[in-house]
């Protein structure tokens, strides 16, 4: 196979692998923002309970992140990836079966668990595949993590017409779309390397301490970004911008898909975690704009800024892991980032929901999340260059 053909094949295979992210985050987590207003009105939820549904998803994500490393060591990256996709798809279908809070919390937790297995194993597969194309590694990793944007765009197209007849058919559509994504990944998955190099014999496992500042910043990212992605649609509807929800969500998704092109150069050339600092400042700006104005220009600018940056932060964690840790610790580093990401996401929706139920409303909750993103940007700035 010639080099150009190999490069094109690698890009197409990574695009197929990115459908895992479309399911794990685009469908299983972010699409919930579109369903939330309809479910809240139909089921009489408070904002706290509405936030708890995504917190349960994040808790499942945390449990999946904690177990993913041992599962991939036993079963292999590919089996865990496919098993996670199957669990997520089944959980999304199950969301259509009941309006009771406890069962819904449980299936949201299972969807999060499956999503974490997909993301950790998929991230490991992507990192190993990108190793064969070092000059394009940032682009390839960005394509994988940008798959969530595909899920966001598809949900913007699929769900609004279905929600006119209630929320149950929307969950069924997400589950069936997840199964379709699973089928589309089967053939390309056979071309991915299964495992990287093992640790050299007798070598002490490498410490994750060199990633300390980036891990702390990523925790803030988990807390801050999920508030926007959970409640922004409800905020727009509450402030008279309901007709803009579908194009806003589609624009946000498209921005996620193109983010690798925007951040590729800075992510690979900037020292330390300065690229993450820039990305989180952009996120904070995007999260703040709707609080200042609900003019269509401000809302679309918000969606573009947020969409361009939030999965770029996720991509950068794999880049910094590969930069500062030896190869045999990459999977452990990716899992560590997934754990702190999930821990932040457990608290983020609950905090925002509690604040939204107070006198300050959703505006206060979203404002606090923007401040948390600013804090994360400052922490990322402290990350030193690898020695």
Protein backbone atom coordinates (compact mmCIF):
# COMPACT_ATOMS: atom_id res chain seq x y z
CA UNK A 1 0.00 0.00 0.00
CA UNK A 2 1.45 3.40 -1.01
CA UNK A 3 1.89 6.08 1.63
CA UNK A 4 -0.95 8.35 0.36
CA UNK A 5 -3.33 5.39 0.19
CA UNK A 6 -2.30 4.25 3.67
CA UNK A 7 -2.86 7.76 5.02
CA UNK A 8 -6.31 7.96 3.43
CA UNK A 9 -7.24 4.54 4.76
CA UNK A 10 -6.08 5.52 8.25
CA UNK A 11 -8.25 8.66 8.12
CA UNK A 12 -11.34 6.76 6.96
CA UNK A 13 -10.80 4.05 9.57
CA UNK A 14 -10.48 6.70 12.29
CA UNK A 15 -13.69 8.30 11.06
CA UNK A 16 -15.43 4.92 11.44
CA UNK A 17 -13.96 4.49 14.93
CA UNK A 18 -15.25 7.97 15.80
CA UNK A 19 -18.80 6.63 15.52
CA UNK A 20 -18.11 5.15 18.95
CA UNK A 21 -17.88 8.70 20.27
CA UNK A 22 -21.05 9.61 18.39
CA UNK A 23 -22.84 6.93 20.42
CA UNK A 24 -21.01 7.24 23.76
CA UNK A 25 -21.32 11.03 24.06
CA UNK A 26 -23.31 12.43 21.13
CA UNK A 27 -26.30 10.12 21.68
CA UNK A 28 -25.98 8.81 25.23
CA UNK A 29 -25.19 12.14 26.91
CA UNK A 30 -25.52 15.27 24.80
CA UNK A 31 -28.77 14.37 23.00
CA UNK A 32 -30.41 14.37 26.44
CA UNK A 33 -30.32 18.18 26.34
CA UNK A 34 -32.86 18.06 23.50
CA UNK A 35 -35.10 15.61 25.38
CA UNK A 36 -34.82 17.33 28.76
CA UNK A 37 -37.42 20.11 28.26
CA UNK A 38 -40.03 17.65 26.91
CA UNK A 39 -39.37 15.03 29.61
CA UNK A 40 -39.32 17.66 32.36
CA UNK A 41 -42.68 19.04 31.25
CA UNK A 42 -44.26 15.60 30.82
CA UNK A 43 -42.89 14.04 34.00
CA UNK A 44 -42.96 17.10 36.28
CA UNK A 45 -39.23 17.09 37.08
CA UNK A 46 -37.37 19.77 38.99
CA UNK A 47 -34.10 21.04 37.50
CA UNK A 48 -32.30 19.09 40.21
CA UNK A 49 -33.85 15.80 39.09
CA UNK A 50 -33.28 16.69 35.45
CA UNK A 51 -29.62 17.30 36.25
CA UNK A 52 -29.46 14.06 38.24
CA UNK A 53 -30.29 12.12 35.06
CA UNK A 54 -27.06 13.31 33.45
CA UNK A 55 -25.23 12.97 36.76
CA UNK A 56 -26.28 9.30 36.80
CA UNK A 57 -24.92 8.97 33.28
CA UNK A 58 -21.66 10.53 34.47
CA UNK A 59 -21.55 8.22 37.49
CA UNK A 60 -21.85 5.24 35.16
CA UNK A 61 -19.09 6.81 33.07
CA UNK A 62 -16.94 7.00 36.20
CA UNK A 63 -17.57 3.33 37.02
CA UNK A 64 -16.72 2.39 33.44
CA UNK A 65 -13.53 4.41 33.52
CA UNK A 66 -12.44 2.74 36.76
CA UNK A 67 -12.94 -0.75 35.29
CA UNK A 68 -11.93 -0.15 31.67
CA UNK A 69 -8.19 -0.72 32.10
CA UNK A 70 -8.62 -4.13 33.74
CA UNK A 71 -11.29 -5.13 31.20
CA UNK A 72 -9.15 -4.18 28.21
CA UNK A 73 -6.19 -6.03 29.72
CA UNK A 74 -8.32 -9.16 29.96
CA UNK A 75 -10.51 -8.98 26.85
CA UNK A 76 -8.63 -6.64 24.54
CA UNK A 77 -9.43 -3.16 23.28
CA UNK A 78 -11.65 -4.25 20.40
CA UNK A 79 -13.93 -6.54 22.40
CA UNK A 80 -14.41 -3.92 25.10
CA UNK A 81 -15.13 -1.28 22.44
CA UNK A 82 -17.85 -3.41 20.83
CA UNK A 83 -19.26 -4.55 24.17
CA UNK A 84 -19.49 -0.94 25.34
CA UNK A 85 -21.33 0.03 22.15
CA UNK A 86 -23.83 -2.79 22.62
CA UNK A 87 -24.47 -1.86 26.25
CA UNK A 88 -24.95 1.81 25.36
CA UNK A 89 -27.35 1.05 22.52
CA UNK A 90 -29.43 -1.28 24.70
CA UNK A 91 -29.58 1.32 27.49
CA UNK A 92 -30.80 4.04 25.13
CA UNK A 93 -33.57 1.75 23.89
CA UNK A 94 -34.50 0.97 27.51
CA UNK A 95 -34.98 4.69 28.25
CA UNK A 96 -38.16 4.53 26.18
CA UNK A 97 -39.74 1.89 28.42
CA UNK A 98 -40.57 3.89 31.55
CA UNK A 99 -41.23 7.34 32.94
CA UNK A 100 -40.35 6.34 36.51
CA UNK A 101 -37.38 8.20 37.92
CA UNK A 102 -35.45 5.31 39.53
CA UNK A 103 -35.48 2.99 36.48
CA UNK A 104 -34.51 5.92 34.25
CA UNK A 105 -31.63 6.80 36.57
CA UNK A 106 -30.46 3.18 36.36
CA UNK A 107 -30.51 2.96 32.56
CA UNK A 108 -28.83 6.38 32.31
CA UNK A 109 -26.11 4.99 34.58
CA UNK A 110 -25.72 1.90 32.35
CA UNK A 111 -25.51 4.11 29.26
CA UNK A 112 -22.71 6.06 30.91
CA UNK A 113 -20.88 2.86 31.87
CA UNK A 114 -21.03 1.61 28.30
CA UNK A 115 -19.95 5.01 26.99
CA UNK A 116 -16.83 5.02 29.17
CA UNK A 117 -15.84 1.56 27.94
CA UNK A 118 -16.22 2.81 24.37
CA UNK A 119 -14.25 5.98 25.00
CA UNK A 120 -11.33 4.47 26.93
CA UNK A 121 -10.90 1.49 24.59
CA UNK A 122 -11.50 3.66 21.52
CA UNK A 123 -9.00 6.21 22.78
CA UNK A 124 -6.44 3.44 23.22
CA UNK A 125 -7.08 2.14 19.70
CA UNK A 126 -6.85 5.66 18.28
CA UNK A 127 -3.57 6.39 20.08
CA UNK A 128 -2.00 3.16 18.81
CA UNK A 129 -3.20 3.78 15.25
CA UNK A 130 -1.97 7.40 15.29
CA UNK A 131 1.50 6.14 16.25
CA UNK A 132 1.94 4.84 12.70
CA UNK A 133 1.34 8.36 11.29
CA UNK A 134 3.24 10.72 13.65
CA UNK A 135 3.00 13.69 11.27
CA UNK A 136 -0.81 13.43 11.28
CA UNK A 137 -1.36 12.10 14.79
CA UNK A 138 -3.08 15.25 16.11
CA UNK A 139 -5.47 15.27 13.14
CA UNK A 140 -6.26 11.56 13.49
CA UNK A 141 -6.89 11.85 17.22
CA UNK A 142 -9.05 14.91 16.59
CA UNK A 143 -11.13 12.95 14.08
CA UNK A 144 -11.74 10.21 16.65
CA UNK A 145 -12.78 12.57 19.44
CA UNK A 146 -14.73 14.74 17.00
CA UNK A 147 -17.10 11.83 16.44
CA UNK A 148 -19.24 13.21 19.23
CA UNK A 149 -20.04 16.09 16.88
CA UNK A 150 -21.45 13.59 14.39
CA UNK A 151 -23.76 12.36 17.15
CA UNK A 152 -24.80 15.92 18.00
CA UNK A 153 -25.60 16.74 14.36
CA UNK A 154 -27.51 13.50 13.83
CA UNK A 155 -29.55 14.08 17.00
CA UNK A 156 -30.38 17.61 15.79
CA UNK A 157 -31.75 16.08 12.59
CA UNK A 158 -33.44 13.03 14.11
CA UNK A 159 -35.02 14.18 17.35
CA UNK A 160 -37.01 17.44 16.93
CA UNK A 161 -39.65 15.90 14.59
CA UNK A 162 -39.99 12.89 16.90
CA UNK A 163 -40.28 15.00 20.05
CA UNK A 164 -43.50 16.51 18.71
CA UNK A 165 -45.08 13.13 19.52
CA UNK A 166 -43.35 12.70 22.90
CA UNK A 167 -39.94 11.66 24.15
CA UNK A 168 -40.16 7.85 24.00
CA UNK A 169 -39.81 7.56 20.21
CA UNK A 170 -36.75 9.81 20.41
CA UNK A 171 -34.98 7.34 22.72
CA UNK A 172 -35.87 4.48 20.36
CA UNK A 173 -34.39 6.42 17.44
CA UNK A 174 -31.16 7.01 19.39
CA UNK A 175 -30.91 3.33 20.27
CA UNK A 176 -31.44 2.20 16.67
CA UNK A 177 -28.95 4.79 15.38
CA UNK A 178 -26.42 3.44 17.92
CA UNK A 179 -26.85 -0.09 16.59
CA UNK A 180 -26.30 1.21 13.05
CA UNK A 181 -23.07 2.91 14.16
CA UNK A 182 -21.92 -0.36 15.75
CA UNK A 183 -22.41 -2.21 12.44
CA UNK A 184 -20.49 0.47 10.54
CA UNK A 185 -17.44 0.07 12.80
CA UNK A 186 -17.10 -3.72 12.48
CA UNK A 187 -15.03 -3.95 9.30
CA UNK A 188 -12.70 -0.95 9.91
CA UNK A 189 -12.07 -2.18 13.45
CA UNK A 190 -10.26 -5.26 12.11
CA UNK A 191 -7.48 -3.00 10.75
CA UNK A 192 -6.66 -1.37 14.10
CA UNK A 193 -3.71 -2.59 16.19
CA UNK A 194 -4.96 -4.43 19.26
CA UNK A 195 -2.27 -3.67 21.79
CA UNK A 196 0.76 -1.47 22.21
CA UNK A 197 4.11 -2.39 23.66
CA UNK A 198 4.13 -3.91 27.11
CA UNK A 199 6.17 -2.47 29.95
CA UNK A 200 9.85 -3.42 29.79
CA UNK A 201 10.66 -6.33 32.07
CA UNK A 202 11.49 -5.31 35.61
CA UNK A 203 10.55 -1.65 35.07
CA UNK A 204 8.61 0.13 37.82
CA UNK A 205 5.25 1.42 36.54
CA UNK A 206 5.58 5.06 35.53
CA UNK A 207 3.98 7.72 37.72
CA UNK A 208 1.14 9.92 36.48
CA UNK A 209 2.50 12.86 38.51
CA UNK A 210 3.80 14.68 35.40
CA UNK A 211 0.15 15.11 34.37
CA UNK A 212 -1.01 16.53 37.73
CA UNK A 213 -1.86 20.08 36.59
CA UNK A 214 -3.58 18.88 33.42
CA UNK A 215 -5.61 16.34 35.40
CA UNK A 216 -6.74 19.10 37.79
CA UNK A 217 -7.69 21.34 34.86
CA UNK A 218 -9.58 18.48 33.24
CA UNK A 219 -11.63 17.98 36.42
CA UNK A 220 -12.75 21.61 36.13
CA UNK A 221 -13.52 20.98 32.47
CA UNK A 222 -15.77 18.04 33.40
CA UNK A 223 -17.67 20.16 35.92
CA UNK A 224 -17.97 23.22 33.71
CA UNK A 225 -18.71 21.98 30.21
CA UNK A 226 -21.44 19.49 31.16
CA UNK A 227 -23.62 22.23 32.65
CA UNK A 228 -23.78 23.94 29.26
CA UNK A 229 -24.32 20.71 27.35
CA UNK A 230 -27.09 19.61 29.74
CA UNK A 231 -29.05 22.82 30.27
CA UNK A 232 -28.37 25.20 27.35
CA UNK A 233 -31.41 24.00 25.38
CA UNK A 234 -33.65 24.45 28.42
CA UNK A 235 -32.14 27.93 28.92
CA UNK A 236 -32.82 28.89 25.29
CA UNK A 237 -36.43 27.70 25.47
CA UNK A 238 -36.98 29.51 28.76
CA UNK A 239 -35.67 32.75 27.24
CA UNK A 240 -37.80 32.76 24.09
CA UNK A 241 -35.21 31.25 21.73
CA UNK A 242 -36.95 27.89 21.25
CA UNK A 243 -37.20 28.19 17.42
CA UNK A 244 -33.41 28.46 17.25
CA UNK A 245 -32.72 25.24 19.16
CA UNK A 246 -32.45 22.90 16.17
CA UNK A 247 -30.13 25.09 14.04
CA UNK A 248 -28.14 26.03 17.15
CA UNK A 249 -27.58 22.35 18.04
CA UNK A 250 -26.65 21.49 14.44
CA UNK A 251 -24.14 24.36 14.26
CA UNK A 252 -22.60 23.26 17.55
CA UNK A 253 -22.25 19.71 16.19
CA UNK A 254 -20.66 20.90 12.95
CA UNK A 255 -18.16 22.97 14.94
CA UNK A 256 -17.21 19.83 16.91
CA UNK A 257 -16.55 17.93 13.68
CA UNK A 258 -14.20 20.59 12.24
CA UNK A 259 -12.35 21.32 15.49
CA UNK A 260 -9.31 19.11 14.63
CA UNK A 261 -8.42 21.46 11.75
CA UNK A 262 -8.70 24.53 13.99
CA UNK A 263 -6.58 23.28 16.90
CA UNK A 264 -4.16 20.84 15.22
CA UNK A 265 -1.19 23.21 14.96
CA UNK A 266 -1.51 24.75 18.44
CA UNK A 267 -2.13 21.38 20.11
CA UNK A 268 1.12 19.94 18.77
CA UNK A 269 3.38 23.00 18.96
CA UNK A 270 2.39 24.92 22.13
CA UNK A 271 4.46 24.26 25.25
CA UNK A 272 3.04 22.48 28.28
CA UNK A 273 -0.76 22.58 28.26
CA UNK A 274 -1.08 26.08 26.82
CA UNK A 275 -3.30 24.67 24.07
CA UNK A 276 -5.71 23.45 26.76
CA UNK A 277 -5.63 26.90 28.36
CA UNK A 278 -6.64 28.50 25.05
CA UNK A 279 -9.35 25.90 24.49
CA UNK A 280 -10.87 26.38 27.95
CA UNK A 281 -10.81 30.18 27.61
CA UNK A 282 -12.71 29.76 24.34
CA UNK A 283 -15.17 27.47 26.11
CA UNK A 284 -15.70 30.01 28.89
CA UNK A 285 -16.38 32.72 26.31
CA UNK A 286 -18.86 30.48 24.50
CA UNK A 287 -20.61 29.58 27.76
CA UNK A 288 -20.90 33.25 28.77
CA UNK A 289 -22.36 34.67 25.54
CA UNK A 290 -25.97 33.36 26.01
CA UNK A 291 -25.98 34.89 29.50
CA UNK A 292 -25.23 38.30 28.00
CA UNK A 293 -27.58 38.15 25.01
CA UNK A 294 -30.08 35.80 23.35
CA UNK A 295 -29.74 37.57 20.01
CA UNK A 296 -29.35 34.89 17.28
CA UNK A 297 -25.83 36.12 16.43
CA UNK A 298 -24.73 35.72 20.05
CA UNK A 299 -26.30 32.28 20.34
CA UNK A 300 -24.74 30.93 17.15
CA UNK A 301 -21.38 32.42 18.13
CA UNK A 302 -21.75 30.64 21.47
CA UNK A 303 -22.46 27.32 19.74
CA UNK A 304 -19.50 27.75 17.39
CA UNK A 305 -17.03 28.69 20.14
CA UNK A 306 -18.20 25.91 22.43
CA UNK A 307 -18.37 23.31 19.68
CA UNK A 308 -14.92 24.15 18.37
CA UNK A 309 -13.36 23.76 21.80
CA UNK A 310 -14.96 21.25 24.12
CA UNK A 311 -13.95 18.03 22.31
CA UNK A 312 -10.62 19.67 21.46
CA UNK A 313 -9.88 19.60 25.21
CA UNK A 314 -10.63 15.87 25.26
CA UNK A 315 -8.35 15.31 22.26
CA UNK A 316 -5.54 17.23 23.93
CA UNK A 317 -5.52 14.90 26.93
CA UNK A 318 -4.41 12.05 24.65
CA UNK A 319 -1.80 14.30 23.02
CA UNK A 320 -0.32 15.33 26.39
CA UNK A 321 -0.45 11.72 27.61
CA UNK A 322 1.56 10.55 24.61
CA UNK A 323 3.94 13.48 25.05
CA UNK A 324 4.89 13.00 28.70
CA UNK A 325 4.36 9.29 29.45
CA UNK A 326 6.05 6.18 28.03
CA UNK A 327 3.95 4.15 25.61
CA UNK A 328 3.15 1.31 27.96
CA UNK A 329 1.43 3.80 30.31
CA UNK A 330 -0.70 5.50 27.64
CA UNK A 331 -3.83 3.45 28.38
CA UNK A 332 -3.42 4.16 32.11
CA UNK A 333 -3.04 7.87 31.44
CA UNK A 334 -6.11 7.96 29.19
CA UNK A 335 -8.08 6.08 31.85
CA UNK A 336 -6.94 8.56 34.53
CA UNK A 337 -8.18 11.47 32.45
CA UNK A 338 -11.47 9.65 31.87
CA UNK A 339 -11.87 9.10 35.64
CA UNK A 340 -11.38 12.76 36.61
CA UNK A 341 -13.54 13.83 33.65
CA UNK A 342 -16.33 11.56 34.89
CA UNK A 343 -15.92 12.68 38.49
CA UNK A 344 -16.34 16.30 37.40
CA UNK A 345 -19.40 15.43 35.35
CA UNK A 346 -21.11 13.73 38.29
CA UNK A 347 -21.07 16.95 40.31
CA UNK A 348 -21.57 19.40 37.42
CA UNK A 349 -25.23 18.69 36.53
CA UNK A 350 -26.24 18.39 40.19
CA UNK A 351 -24.57 21.69 41.11
CA UNK A 352 -26.12 23.47 38.15
CA UNK A 353 -29.54 21.92 38.80
CA UNK A 354 -29.47 22.98 42.45
CA UNK A 355 -28.49 26.53 41.51
CA UNK A 356 -31.15 26.58 38.78
CA UNK A 357 -33.84 25.65 41.32
CA UNK A 358 -32.74 28.60 43.48
CA UNK A 359 -33.67 32.25 42.96
CA UNK A 360 -30.81 32.67 40.50
CA UNK A 361 -32.30 30.20 38.02
CA UNK A 362 -30.45 28.63 35.11
CA UNK A 363 -28.55 31.87 34.50
CA UNK A 364 -26.77 31.49 37.85
CA UNK A 365 -25.98 27.82 37.27
CA UNK A 366 -24.54 28.42 33.81
CA UNK A 367 -22.60 31.45 35.06
CA UNK A 368 -20.92 29.42 37.79
CA UNK A 369 -19.97 26.74 35.24
CA UNK A 370 -18.28 29.38 33.08
CA UNK A 371 -16.22 30.48 36.10
CA UNK A 372 -15.16 26.86 36.72
CA UNK A 373 -13.93 26.68 33.12
CA UNK A 374 -11.86 29.82 33.72
CA UNK A 375 -10.33 28.20 36.79
CA UNK A 376 -9.43 25.16 34.70
CA UNK A 377 -7.74 27.37 32.11
CA UNK A 378 -5.53 28.80 34.85
CA UNK A 379 -4.61 25.35 36.16
CA UNK A 380 -3.67 24.11 32.69
CA UNK A 381 -1.29 27.05 32.35
CA UNK A 382 0.77 25.58 35.20
CA UNK A 383 1.50 22.31 33.32
CA UNK A 384 5.28 22.15 32.69
CA UNK A 385 6.95 20.87 29.56
CA UNK A 386 8.09 17.23 29.77
CA UNK A 387 11.65 16.85 30.96
